């Protein structure tokens, strides 16, 4: 996963492509296909991290 100008680019064996800053629509597809449970508000958290990176509040190392 890497930050883009408008969201994230997800690079995985099964799921690849660009998403918005909250990871929609691609991020949820992979865990759902594998029946993995995850918090419903994970997208909001990713949006928060994206905003922090975009505003230079945190760097890539901190985001990890």
C-alpha atoms as a PDB file:
ATOM      1  CA  UNK A   1       0.000   0.000   0.000  1.00  0.00           C
ATOM      2  CA  UNK A   2       1.378   3.420  -0.916  1.00  0.00           C
ATOM      3  CA  UNK A   3      -0.070   6.911  -0.725  1.00  0.00           C
ATOM      4  CA  UNK A   4      -1.120   8.595  -3.951  1.00  0.00           C
ATOM      5  CA  UNK A   5      -2.372  12.129  -4.608  1.00  0.00           C
ATOM      6  CA  UNK A   6      -5.992  11.050  -4.139  1.00  0.00           C
ATOM      7  CA  UNK A   7      -5.812   7.992  -1.895  1.00  0.00           C
ATOM      8  CA  UNK A   8      -3.863   4.739  -1.843  1.00  0.00           C
ATOM      9  CA  UNK A   9      -2.498   2.300  -4.382  1.00  0.00           C
ATOM     10  CA  UNK A  10      -2.901  -1.282  -3.200  1.00  0.00           C
ATOM     11  CA  UNK A  11      -0.541  -3.826  -4.668  1.00  0.00           C
ATOM     12  CA  UNK A  12      -1.346  -7.405  -3.697  1.00  0.00           C
ATOM     13  CA  UNK A  13      -1.521 -10.781  -5.408  1.00  0.00           C
ATOM     14  CA  UNK A  14      -5.331 -10.823  -5.466  1.00  0.00           C
ATOM     15  CA  UNK A  15      -6.247  -7.125  -5.269  1.00  0.00           C
ATOM     16  CA  UNK A  16      -4.483  -4.323  -7.143  1.00  0.00           C
ATOM     17  CA  UNK A  17      -5.474  -0.770  -7.903  1.00  0.00           C
ATOM     18  CA  UNK A  18      -6.174   2.702  -6.670  1.00  0.00           C
ATOM     19  CA  UNK A  19      -8.564   3.563  -3.856  1.00  0.00           C
ATOM     20  CA  UNK A  20      -9.754   6.728  -2.188  1.00  0.00           C
ATOM     21  CA  UNK A  21      -8.128   7.954   1.029  1.00  0.00           C
ATOM     22  CA  UNK A  22     -10.291   5.562   3.083  1.00  0.00           C
ATOM     23  CA  UNK A  23      -9.318   2.552   0.986  1.00  0.00           C
ATOM     24  CA  UNK A  24     -12.603   2.233  -0.916  1.00  0.00           C
ATOM     25  CA  UNK A  25     -13.459   0.275  -2.904  1.00  0.00           C
ATOM     26  CA  UNK A  26     -10.499  -2.122  -3.131  1.00  0.00           C
ATOM     27  CA  UNK A  27      -9.237  -2.507   0.412  1.00  0.00           C
ATOM     28  CA  UNK A  28     -12.322  -4.203   1.838  1.00  0.00           C
ATOM     29  CA  UNK A  29     -12.573  -6.645  -1.065  1.00  0.00           C
ATOM     30  CA  UNK A  30      -9.574  -8.746  -0.080  1.00  0.00           C
ATOM     31  CA  UNK A  31     -10.461  -9.426   3.587  1.00  0.00           C
ATOM     32  CA  UNK A  32     -14.112 -10.045   2.641  1.00  0.00           C
ATOM     33  CA  UNK A  33     -13.189 -12.668   0.036  1.00  0.00           C
ATOM     34  CA  UNK A  34     -11.128 -14.486   2.696  1.00  0.00           C
ATOM     35  CA  UNK A  35     -13.795 -14.124   5.429  1.00  0.00           C
ATOM     36  CA  UNK A  36     -11.443 -11.993   7.545  1.00  0.00           C
ATOM     37  CA  UNK A  37     -13.120  -9.858  10.206  1.00  0.00           C
ATOM     38  CA  UNK A  38     -11.837  -6.308  10.668  1.00  0.00           C
ATOM     39  CA  UNK A  39     -13.154  -3.114  12.284  1.00  0.00           C
ATOM     40  CA  UNK A  40     -15.853  -1.384  10.266  1.00  0.00           C
ATOM     41  CA  UNK A  41     -14.214   2.006  10.814  1.00  0.00           C
ATOM     42  CA  UNK A  42     -10.800   0.977   9.454  1.00  0.00           C
ATOM     43  CA  UNK A  43     -11.477   3.193   6.429  1.00  0.00           C
ATOM     44  CA  UNK A  44     -11.873   6.251   8.651  1.00  0.00           C
ATOM     45  CA  UNK A  45      -8.544   5.440  10.297  1.00  0.00           C
ATOM     46  CA  UNK A  46      -6.855   5.098   6.894  1.00  0.00           C
ATOM     47  CA  UNK A  47      -8.358   8.458   5.937  1.00  0.00           C
ATOM     48  CA  UNK A  48      -6.875   9.952   9.103  1.00  0.00           C
ATOM     49  CA  UNK A  49      -3.440   8.496   8.300  1.00  0.00           C
ATOM     50  CA  UNK A  50      -3.711   9.747   4.708  1.00  0.00           C
ATOM     51  CA  UNK A  51      -4.575  13.272   5.935  1.00  0.00           C
ATOM     52  CA  UNK A  52      -1.631  13.207   8.367  1.00  0.00           C
ATOM     53  CA  UNK A  53       0.737  12.170   5.569  1.00  0.00           C
ATOM     54  CA  UNK A  54      -0.732  14.665   3.117  1.00  0.00           C
ATOM     55  CA  UNK A  55      -0.317  17.511   5.611  1.00  0.00           C
ATOM     56  CA  UNK A  56       3.258  16.431   6.449  1.00  0.00           C
ATOM     57  CA  UNK A  57       2.230  15.932  10.081  1.00  0.00           C
ATOM     58  CA  UNK A  58       3.798  12.455   9.963  1.00  0.00           C
ATOM     59  CA  UNK A  59       6.276  10.811   7.604  1.00  0.00           C
ATOM     60  CA  UNK A  60       6.143   7.402   5.916  1.00  0.00           C
ATOM     61  CA  UNK A  61       8.097   5.734   8.725  1.00  0.00           C
ATOM     62  CA  UNK A  62       5.635   7.008  11.338  1.00  0.00           C
ATOM     63  CA  UNK A  63       2.690   5.888   9.211  1.00  0.00           C
ATOM     64  CA  UNK A  64       4.052   2.356   9.212  1.00  0.00           C
END
